C-alpha atoms as a PDB file:
ATOM      1  CA  UNK A   1      17.491  16.141   2.992  1.00  0.00           C
ATOM      2  CA  UNK A   2      14.698  15.771   0.601  1.00  0.00           C
ATOM      3  CA  UNK A   3      14.017  18.111  -2.403  1.00  0.00           C
ATOM      4  CA  UNK A   4      11.081  20.395  -1.808  1.00  0.00           C
ATOM      5  CA  UNK A   5       8.297  19.971  -4.429  1.00  0.00           C
ATOM      6  CA  UNK A   6       6.054  22.857  -5.926  1.00  0.00           C
ATOM      7  CA  UNK A   7       2.456  22.667  -6.867  1.00  0.00           C
ATOM      8  CA  UNK A   8       3.303  23.581 -10.356  1.00  0.00           C
ATOM      9  CA  UNK A   9       2.155  21.044 -12.963  1.00  0.00           C
ATOM     10  CA  UNK A  10      -0.043  19.019 -10.605  1.00  0.00           C
ATOM     11  CA  UNK A  11      -2.361  16.953 -12.913  1.00  0.00           C
ATOM     12  CA  UNK A  12      -5.963  15.979 -11.692  1.00  0.00           C
ATOM     13  CA  UNK A  13      -7.447  13.151 -13.684  1.00  0.00           C
ATOM     14  CA  UNK A  14     -10.180  10.485 -13.541  1.00  0.00           C
ATOM     15  CA  UNK A  15     -10.846   7.036 -14.775  1.00  0.00           C
ATOM     16  CA  UNK A  16     -13.561   4.337 -14.366  1.00  0.00           C
ATOM     17  CA  UNK A  17     -12.809   0.864 -13.386  1.00  0.00           C
ATOM     18  CA  UNK A  18     -13.063  -1.770 -16.155  1.00  0.00           C
ATOM     19  CA  UNK A  19     -13.163  -4.518 -13.522  1.00  0.00           C
ATOM     20  CA  UNK A  20     -15.094  -3.870 -10.428  1.00  0.00           C
ATOM     21  CA  UNK A  21     -12.704  -3.469  -7.414  1.00  0.00           C
ATOM     22  CA  UNK A  22      -9.647  -3.000  -9.392  1.00  0.00           C
ATOM     23  CA  UNK A  23      -8.176   0.447  -9.526  1.00  0.00           C
ATOM     24  CA  UNK A  24      -7.332   1.540 -13.094  1.00  0.00           C
ATOM     25  CA  UNK A  25      -3.739   2.484 -13.853  1.00  0.00           C
ATOM     26  CA  UNK A  26      -3.981   3.603 -17.552  1.00  0.00           C
ATOM     27  CA  UNK A  27      -6.067   5.796 -19.780  1.00  0.00           C
ATOM     28  CA  UNK A  28      -6.755   8.536 -17.102  1.00  0.00           C
ATOM     29  CA  UNK A  29      -8.451  11.618 -18.501  1.00  0.00           C
ATOM     30  CA  UNK A  30      -7.052  15.041 -17.461  1.00  0.00           C
ATOM     31  CA  UNK A  31      -9.308  17.659 -15.912  1.00  0.00           C
ATOM     32  CA  UNK A  32      -8.359  21.203 -17.008  1.00  0.00           C
ATOM     33  CA  UNK A  33      -8.111  24.521 -15.053  1.00  0.00           C
ATOM     34  CA  UNK A  34      -7.960  23.032 -11.454  1.00  0.00           C
ATOM     35  CA  UNK A  35      -6.314  25.392  -8.959  1.00  0.00           C
ATOM     36  CA  UNK A  36      -6.405  23.548  -5.706  1.00  0.00           C
ATOM     37  CA  UNK A  37      -6.957  20.032  -4.540  1.00  0.00           C
ATOM     38  CA  UNK A  38      -8.248  18.878  -1.180  1.00  0.00           C
ATOM     39  CA  UNK A  39      -6.173  17.340   1.651  1.00  0.00           C
ATOM     40  CA  UNK A  40      -6.546  13.640   1.882  1.00  0.00           C
ATOM     41  CA  UNK A  41      -4.789  13.233   5.229  1.00  0.00           C
ATOM     42  CA  UNK A  42      -6.696  13.753   8.394  1.00  0.00           C
ATOM     43  CA  UNK A  43      -6.029  12.778  12.104  1.00  0.00           C
ATOM     44  CA  UNK A  44      -7.645   9.531  13.276  1.00  0.00           C
ATOM     45  CA  UNK A  45     -10.610   9.755  15.424  1.00  0.00           C
ATOM     46  CA  UNK A  46     -10.171   8.482  18.983  1.00  0.00           C
ATOM     47  CA  UNK A  47     -12.364   6.836  21.680  1.00  0.00           C
ATOM     48  CA  UNK A  48     -11.614   7.499  25.361  1.00  0.00           C
ATOM     49  CA  UNK A  49     -10.621   4.327  26.948  1.00  0.00           C
ATOM     50  CA  UNK A  50      -9.771   5.705  30.465  1.00  0.00           C
ATOM     51  CA  UNK A  51     -10.481   3.439  33.320  1.00  0.00           C
ATOM     52  CA  UNK A  52     -10.274   3.790  37.067  1.00  0.00           C
ATOM     53  CA  UNK A  53      -6.651   2.600  36.833  1.00  0.00           C
ATOM     54  CA  UNK A  54      -5.746   5.790  35.187  1.00  0.00           C
ATOM     55  CA  UNK A  55      -4.754   8.442  37.685  1.00  0.00           C
ATOM     56  CA  UNK A  56      -3.060  11.248  35.873  1.00  0.00           C
ATOM     57  CA  UNK A  57      -3.723  11.016  32.060  1.00  0.00           C
ATOM     58  CA  UNK A  58      -6.655   9.946  29.673  1.00  0.00           C
ATOM     59  CA  UNK A  59      -6.064   6.857  27.541  1.00  0.00           C
ATOM     60  CA  UNK A  60      -7.298   6.783  23.977  1.00  0.00           C
ATOM     61  CA  UNK A  61      -7.767   4.097  21.452  1.00  0.00           C
ATOM     62  CA  UNK A  62      -7.109   5.002  17.778  1.00  0.00           C
ATOM     63  CA  UNK A  63     -10.162   4.711  15.504  1.00  0.00           C
ATOM     64  CA  UNK A  64     -10.679   5.463  11.713  1.00  0.00           C
ATOM     65  CA  UNK A  65      -9.616   8.589   9.827  1.00  0.00           C
ATOM     66  CA  UNK A  66     -12.459  10.727   8.541  1.00  0.00           C
ATOM     67  CA  UNK A  67     -12.023  12.680   5.422  1.00  0.00           C
ATOM     68  CA  UNK A  68     -15.026  14.741   6.338  1.00  0.00           C
ATOM     69  CA  UNK A  69     -17.520  13.784   3.616  1.00  0.00           C
ATOM     70  CA  UNK A  70     -17.475  15.711   0.377  1.00  0.00           C
ATOM     71  CA  UNK A  71     -14.123  17.153  -0.545  1.00  0.00           C
ATOM     72  CA  UNK A  72     -13.667  20.303  -2.689  1.00  0.00           C
ATOM     73  CA  UNK A  73     -11.476  21.239  -5.578  1.00  0.00           C
ATOM     74  CA  UNK A  74     -11.223  24.899  -6.716  1.00  0.00           C
ATOM     75  CA  UNK A  75     -11.014  25.663 -10.496  1.00  0.00           C
ATOM     76  CA  UNK A  76     -11.322  28.499 -12.946  1.00  0.00           C
ATOM     77  CA  UNK A  77     -14.764  28.310 -14.496  1.00  0.00           C
ATOM     78  CA  UNK A  78     -14.217  27.616 -18.216  1.00  0.00           C
ATOM     79  CA  UNK A  79     -16.014  25.892 -21.049  1.00  0.00           C
ATOM     80  CA  UNK A  80     -13.241  23.402 -21.122  1.00  0.00           C
ATOM     81  CA  UNK A  81     -13.677  22.599 -17.350  1.00  0.00           C
ATOM     82  CA  UNK A  82     -17.465  22.392 -17.680  1.00  0.00           C
ATOM     83  CA  UNK A  83     -17.248  19.953 -20.577  1.00  0.00           C
ATOM     84  CA  UNK A  84     -14.700  17.733 -18.833  1.00  0.00           C
ATOM     85  CA  UNK A  85     -16.476  17.741 -15.431  1.00  0.00           C
ATOM     86  CA  UNK A  86     -19.823  16.988 -17.161  1.00  0.00           C
ATOM     87  CA  UNK A  87     -18.211  14.177 -19.180  1.00  0.00           C
ATOM     88  CA  UNK A  88     -16.798  12.764 -15.853  1.00  0.00           C
ATOM     89  CA  UNK A  89     -20.157  12.903 -14.170  1.00  0.00           C
ATOM     90  CA  UNK A  90     -21.712  11.174 -17.143  1.00  0.00           C
ATOM     91  CA  UNK A  91     -19.032   8.332 -16.987  1.00  0.00           C
ATOM     92  CA  UNK A  92     -19.957   7.946 -13.358  1.00  0.00           C
ATOM     93  CA  UNK A  93     -23.708   7.911 -13.854  1.00  0.00           C
ATOM     94  CA  UNK A  94     -23.267   5.024 -16.407  1.00  0.00           C
ATOM     95  CA  UNK A  95     -21.178   2.757 -14.150  1.00  0.00           C
ATOM     96  CA  UNK A  96     -22.740  -0.633 -13.446  1.00  0.00           C
ATOM     97  CA  UNK A  97     -21.871  -3.924 -11.717  1.00  0.00           C
ATOM     98  CA  UNK A  98     -20.237  -2.309  -8.741  1.00  0.00           C
ATOM     99  CA  UNK A  99     -17.551  -0.377 -10.908  1.00  0.00           C
ATOM    100  CA  UNK A 100     -16.280   2.799  -9.366  1.00  0.00           C
ATOM    101  CA  UNK A 101     -14.713   6.125 -10.701  1.00  0.00           C
ATOM    102  CA  UNK A 102     -11.287   7.089  -9.492  1.00  0.00           C
ATOM    103  CA  UNK A 103      -9.685  10.467  -9.157  1.00  0.00           C
ATOM    104  CA  UNK A 104      -5.934  10.882  -9.314  1.00  0.00           C
ATOM    105  CA  UNK A 105      -3.673  13.675  -8.113  1.00  0.00           C
ATOM    106  CA  UNK A 106      -0.329  13.435  -9.853  1.00  0.00           C
ATOM    107  CA  UNK A 107       2.363  15.651  -8.249  1.00  0.00           C
ATOM    108  CA  UNK A 108       5.387  16.267 -10.450  1.00  0.00           C
ATOM    109  CA  UNK A 109       8.600  15.094  -8.879  1.00  0.00           C
ATOM    110  CA  UNK A 110       6.927  12.807  -6.391  1.00  0.00           C
ATOM    111  CA  UNK A 111       7.324   9.022  -7.093  1.00  0.00           C
ATOM    112  CA  UNK A 112       3.580   8.254  -6.391  1.00  0.00           C
ATOM    113  CA  UNK A 113       0.216   9.661  -7.101  1.00  0.00           C
ATOM    114  CA  UNK A 114      -2.815   9.654  -4.936  1.00  0.00           C
ATOM    115  CA  UNK A 115      -5.906   7.750  -6.155  1.00  0.00           C
ATOM    116  CA  UNK A 116      -9.327   7.942  -4.631  1.00  0.00           C
ATOM    117  CA  UNK A 117     -12.615   6.221  -5.455  1.00  0.00           C
ATOM    118  CA  UNK A 118     -15.173   8.953  -5.696  1.00  0.00           C
ATOM    119  CA  UNK A 119     -18.658  10.032  -6.565  1.00  0.00           C
ATOM    120  CA  UNK A 120     -18.655  13.403  -8.233  1.00  0.00           C
ATOM    121  CA  UNK A 121     -21.326  16.035  -7.938  1.00  0.00           C
ATOM    122  CA  UNK A 122     -22.649  17.942 -10.904  1.00  0.00           C
ATOM    123  CA  UNK A 123     -21.200  21.454 -11.280  1.00  0.00           C
ATOM    124  CA  UNK A 124     -23.223  24.187  -9.958  1.00  0.00           C
ATOM    125  CA  UNK A 125     -23.211  27.975 -10.688  1.00  0.00           C
ATOM    126  CA  UNK A 126     -20.519  29.662  -8.616  1.00  0.00           C
ATOM    127  CA  UNK A 127     -20.530  32.954  -6.599  1.00  0.00           C
ATOM    128  CA  UNK A 128     -19.478  35.845  -8.658  1.00  0.00           C
ATOM    129  CA  UNK A 129     -18.445  39.394  -7.813  1.00  0.00           C
ATOM    130  CA  UNK A 130     -17.533  42.516  -9.923  1.00  0.00           C
ATOM    131  CA  UNK A 131     -13.859  42.823 -11.087  1.00  0.00           C
ATOM    132  CA  UNK A 132     -12.800  39.228 -10.062  1.00  0.00           C
ATOM    133  CA  UNK A 133     -11.970  35.964 -11.616  1.00  0.00           C
ATOM    134  CA  UNK A 134     -14.925  33.598 -12.024  1.00  0.00           C
ATOM    135  CA  UNK A 135     -13.965  30.453 -10.038  1.00  0.00           C
ATOM    136  CA  UNK A 136     -16.046  27.366  -9.095  1.00  0.00           C
ATOM    137  CA  UNK A 137     -15.776  24.729  -6.435  1.00  0.00           C
ATOM    138  CA  UNK A 138     -16.117  21.137  -7.553  1.00  0.00           C
ATOM    139  CA  UNK A 139     -17.234  18.412  -5.097  1.00  0.00           C
ATOM    140  CA  UNK A 140     -16.206  14.812  -4.811  1.00  0.00           C
ATOM    141  CA  UNK A 141     -17.431  12.266  -2.335  1.00  0.00           C
ATOM    142  CA  UNK A 142     -14.809   9.601  -1.385  1.00  0.00           C
ATOM    143  CA  UNK A 143     -16.229   6.089  -1.343  1.00  0.00           C
ATOM    144  CA  UNK A 144     -13.079   4.312  -0.358  1.00  0.00           C
ATOM    145  CA  UNK A 145      -9.609   4.995   1.013  1.00  0.00           C
ATOM    146  CA  UNK A 146      -6.872   7.198  -0.679  1.00  0.00           C
ATOM    147  CA  UNK A 147      -4.103   5.030  -2.227  1.00  0.00           C
ATOM    148  CA  UNK A 148      -0.512   5.930  -3.031  1.00  0.00           C
ATOM    149  CA  UNK A 149       0.399   4.056  -6.174  1.00  0.00           C
ATOM    150  CA  UNK A 150       2.562   4.562  -9.253  1.00  0.00           C
ATOM    151  CA  UNK A 151       1.741   7.574 -11.557  1.00  0.00           C
ATOM    152  CA  UNK A 152      -1.021   6.678 -14.111  1.00  0.00           C
ATOM    153  CA  UNK A 153      -0.712   6.976 -17.854  1.00  0.00           C
ATOM    154  CA  UNK A 154      -3.081   9.364 -19.534  1.00  0.00           C
ATOM    155  CA  UNK A 155      -5.590   8.984 -22.497  1.00  0.00           C
ATOM    156  CA  UNK A 156      -4.421  10.242 -25.775  1.00  0.00           C
ATOM    157  CA  UNK A 157      -5.315  13.835 -26.333  1.00  0.00           C
ATOM    158  CA  UNK A 158      -5.987  14.276 -22.674  1.00  0.00           C
END
């Protein structure tokens, strides 16, 4: 029986490719104040392949998985988060020659991290209500498939 894992200590970070098409493994920059990360597993789409030979059940062909477009992360709205998210968006906007930005979800106690090449959206003003914590939703659009790989290393001071 496996050991159950807690979400305590999950690290969300990012890094741009230095070589186009090669996922970076070192120097990831941590994003502060993240409270929830998106699911990166979805059921595959299917196509109905039923023919006249089928007399009792429908036949299907498995197609691609769909992450559903933009994915959302929830975070406490802080100056540190705004600064880090804006820096990440700036890194992304400066990419050239087919280089991509990767986000990483590192779960303590799990042997692998999940890496996804993304395009981030700039932060907007979140909803606010009286007597509540100010949270924001951050959006990333996957531009490639999620990859399970060894945990990254982090930038000094990150």
